[in-house]
Amino acid sequence: MPHKEIFALPNIISPANPVIFNPEVCTGCNHCVEVCQVDVFIPNPEENQPPVILHPDECWYCGCCATDCPNQAITFNWPVQQRAYWKDKVTGKVLRDIH
């Protein structure tokens, strides 16, 4: 079979970048690539490097990549509209706290 080169051009990362990889902790295991439900990532062609975020705008913000990361190398970057929270003025209880 002839050798084929495959090229992947990532979308431009927008302000809605769904995840932030810590390159000092990420081992390039690609577990996040496997668990992502919408194929936002592809494996990095360089060994032991974080995956490439190929389609950041297609992320569903489910968080499975960050919660399943064995090295905890992913910081999940919630969209601004989901970072809001409200406090009960009387009790001070946070009613929604997502960040």
C-alpha atoms as a PDB file:
ATOM      1  CA  MET A   1       0.000   0.000   0.000  1.00  0.00           C
ATOM      2  CA  PRO A   2       1.432   3.430  -0.888  1.00  0.00           C
ATOM      3  CA  HIS A   3       2.404   5.793   1.911  1.00  0.00           C
ATOM      4  CA  LYS A   4      -0.066   8.659   2.379  1.00  0.00           C
ATOM      5  CA  GLU A   5       0.492  11.839   4.316  1.00  0.00           C
ATOM      6  CA  ILE A   6      -2.513  13.094   6.205  1.00  0.00           C
ATOM      7  CA  PHE A   7      -2.920  16.738   7.093  1.00  0.00           C
ATOM      8  CA  ALA A   8      -5.306  18.139   9.686  1.00  0.00           C
ATOM      9  CA  LEU A   9      -5.887  21.847   9.896  1.00  0.00           C
ATOM     10  CA  PRO A  10      -7.383  22.881  13.227  1.00  0.00           C
ATOM     11  CA  ASN A  11     -10.116  25.472  13.341  1.00  0.00           C
ATOM     12  CA  ILE A  12      -8.957  28.797  14.674  1.00  0.00           C
ATOM     13  CA  ILE A  13      -9.276  28.618  18.445  1.00  0.00           C
ATOM     14  CA  SER A  14     -11.951  31.048  19.442  1.00  0.00           C
ATOM     15  CA  PRO A  15     -12.549  32.641  22.830  1.00  0.00           C
ATOM     16  CA  ALA A  16     -14.724  29.565  23.457  1.00  0.00           C
ATOM     17  CA  ASN A  17     -11.658  27.307  23.769  1.00  0.00           C
ATOM     18  CA  PRO A  18     -13.228  24.407  25.713  1.00  0.00           C
ATOM     19  CA  VAL A  19     -10.148  22.972  27.412  1.00  0.00           C
ATOM     20  CA  ILE A  20      -6.711  24.037  28.497  1.00  0.00           C
ATOM     21  CA  PHE A  21      -4.001  21.381  28.621  1.00  0.00           C
ATOM     22  CA  ASN A  22      -1.190  21.575  31.150  1.00  0.00           C
ATOM     23  CA  PRO A  23       1.770  20.452  29.000  1.00  0.00           C
ATOM     24  CA  GLU A  24       3.889  19.791  32.102  1.00  0.00           C
ATOM     25  CA  VAL A  25       1.388  17.195  33.346  1.00  0.00           C
ATOM     26  CA  CYS A  26      -0.073  15.804  30.107  1.00  0.00           C
ATOM     27  CA  THR A  27       1.670  12.607  28.996  1.00  0.00           C
ATOM     28  CA  GLY A  28      -0.046  12.419  25.618  1.00  0.00           C
ATOM     29  CA  CYS A  29      -1.982   9.278  26.561  1.00  0.00           C
ATOM     30  CA  ASN A  30      -4.865  10.428  24.308  1.00  0.00           C
ATOM     31  CA  HIS A  31      -7.498   9.180  26.731  1.00  0.00           C
ATOM     32  CA  CYS A  32      -9.372  12.459  26.195  1.00  0.00           C
ATOM     33  CA  VAL A  33      -9.364  11.787  22.449  1.00  0.00           C
ATOM     34  CA  GLU A  34     -11.026   8.431  23.084  1.00  0.00           C
ATOM     35  CA  VAL A  35     -13.693   9.659  25.532  1.00  0.00           C
ATOM     36  CA  CYS A  36     -14.701  12.820  23.654  1.00  0.00           C
ATOM     37  CA  GLN A  37     -18.192  12.265  22.310  1.00  0.00           C
ATOM     38  CA  VAL A  38     -17.908  14.716  19.427  1.00  0.00           C
ATOM     39  CA  ASP A  39     -14.276  14.207  18.357  1.00  0.00           C
ATOM     40  CA  VAL A  40     -13.040  17.671  19.278  1.00  0.00           C
ATOM     41  CA  PHE A  41      -9.449  16.366  19.597  1.00  0.00           C
ATOM     42  CA  ILE A  42      -7.026  14.379  17.500  1.00  0.00           C
ATOM     43  CA  PRO A  43      -3.794  12.784  18.755  1.00  0.00           C
ATOM     44  CA  ASN A  44      -0.755  15.016  18.503  1.00  0.00           C
ATOM     45  CA  PRO A  45       1.710  13.745  15.890  1.00  0.00           C
ATOM     46  CA  GLU A  46       4.526  14.498  18.362  1.00  0.00           C
ATOM     47  CA  GLU A  47       4.822  11.842  21.067  1.00  0.00           C
ATOM     48  CA  ASN A  48       4.075  12.738  24.689  1.00  0.00           C
ATOM     49  CA  GLN A  49       2.401  16.004  23.712  1.00  0.00           C
ATOM     50  CA  PRO A  50      -1.185  17.121  24.456  1.00  0.00           C
ATOM     51  CA  PRO A  51      -3.762  16.341  21.774  1.00  0.00           C
ATOM     52  CA  VAL A  52      -4.587  18.876  19.109  1.00  0.00           C
ATOM     53  CA  ILE A  53      -7.889  20.698  19.608  1.00  0.00           C
ATOM     54  CA  LEU A  54      -9.206  20.294  16.084  1.00  0.00           C
ATOM     55  CA  HIS A  55     -12.798  21.552  16.397  1.00  0.00           C
ATOM     56  CA  PRO A  56     -13.142  23.697  19.563  1.00  0.00           C
ATOM     57  CA  ASP A  57     -16.458  25.229  18.544  1.00  0.00           C
ATOM     58  CA  GLU A  58     -18.111  21.806  18.340  1.00  0.00           C
ATOM     59  CA  CYS A  59     -17.533  21.015  22.032  1.00  0.00           C
ATOM     60  CA  TRP A  60     -20.704  20.123  23.959  1.00  0.00           C
ATOM     61  CA  TYR A  61     -19.092  21.168  27.272  1.00  0.00           C
ATOM     62  CA  CYS A  62     -19.907  17.782  28.784  1.00  0.00           C
ATOM     63  CA  GLY A  63     -16.587  17.725  30.663  1.00  0.00           C
ATOM     64  CA  CYS A  64     -15.856  14.028  30.108  1.00  0.00           C
ATOM     65  CA  CYS A  65     -12.345  14.801  28.865  1.00  0.00           C
ATOM     66  CA  ALA A  66     -11.426  16.685  32.044  1.00  0.00           C
ATOM     67  CA  THR A  67     -13.113  14.314  34.466  1.00  0.00           C
ATOM     68  CA  ASP A  68     -11.679  11.159  32.831  1.00  0.00           C
ATOM     69  CA  CYS A  69      -8.107  12.453  32.418  1.00  0.00           C
ATOM     70  CA  PRO A  70      -5.895  10.039  34.389  1.00  0.00           C
ATOM     71  CA  ASN A  71      -3.277  12.746  35.011  1.00  0.00           C
ATOM     72  CA  GLN A  72      -5.701  15.618  35.682  1.00  0.00           C
ATOM     73  CA  ALA A  73      -3.903  17.604  32.998  1.00  0.00           C
ATOM     74  CA  ILE A  74      -7.024  19.295  31.622  1.00  0.00           C
ATOM     75  CA  THR A  75      -8.637  22.433  32.945  1.00  0.00           C
ATOM     76  CA  PHE A  76     -12.160  22.705  31.661  1.00  0.00           C
ATOM     77  CA  ASN A  77     -12.945  26.177  30.377  1.00  0.00           C
ATOM     78  CA  TRP A  78     -16.685  26.733  30.820  1.00  0.00           C
ATOM     79  CA  PRO A  79     -18.325  29.284  28.499  1.00  0.00           C
ATOM     80  CA  VAL A  80     -18.931  32.662  30.115  1.00  0.00           C
ATOM     81  CA  GLN A  81     -22.707  32.230  30.235  1.00  0.00           C
ATOM     82  CA  GLN A  82     -22.302  29.035  32.291  1.00  0.00           C
ATOM     83  CA  ARG A  83     -19.925  30.563  34.850  1.00  0.00           C
ATOM     84  CA  ALA A  84     -22.610  32.644  36.510  1.00  0.00           C
ATOM     85  CA  TYR A  85     -23.845  32.006  40.019  1.00  0.00           C
ATOM     86  CA  TRP A  86     -26.405  33.515  42.319  1.00  0.00           C
ATOM     87  CA  LYS A  87     -26.412  33.920  46.086  1.00  0.00           C
ATOM     88  CA  ASP A  88     -29.374  33.907  48.395  1.00  0.00           C
ATOM     89  CA  LYS A  89     -29.104  37.298  50.128  1.00  0.00           C
ATOM     90  CA  VAL A  90     -30.507  35.956  53.386  1.00  0.00           C
ATOM     91  CA  THR A  91     -28.549  32.711  53.757  1.00  0.00           C
ATOM     92  CA  GLY A  92     -25.547  33.438  51.521  1.00  0.00           C
ATOM     93  CA  LYS A  93     -26.005  30.014  49.921  1.00  0.00           C
ATOM     94  CA  VAL A  94     -24.646  29.751  46.373  1.00  0.00           C
ATOM     95  CA  LEU A  95     -27.469  28.515  44.161  1.00  0.00           C
ATOM     96  CA  ARG A  96     -25.346  27.822  41.109  1.00  0.00           C
ATOM     97  CA  ASP A  97     -21.603  27.712  41.127  1.00  0.00           C
ATOM     98  CA  ILE A  98     -20.053  26.447  37.909  1.00  0.00           C
ATOM     99  CA  HIS A  99     -16.502  27.495  37.011  1.00  0.00           C
END
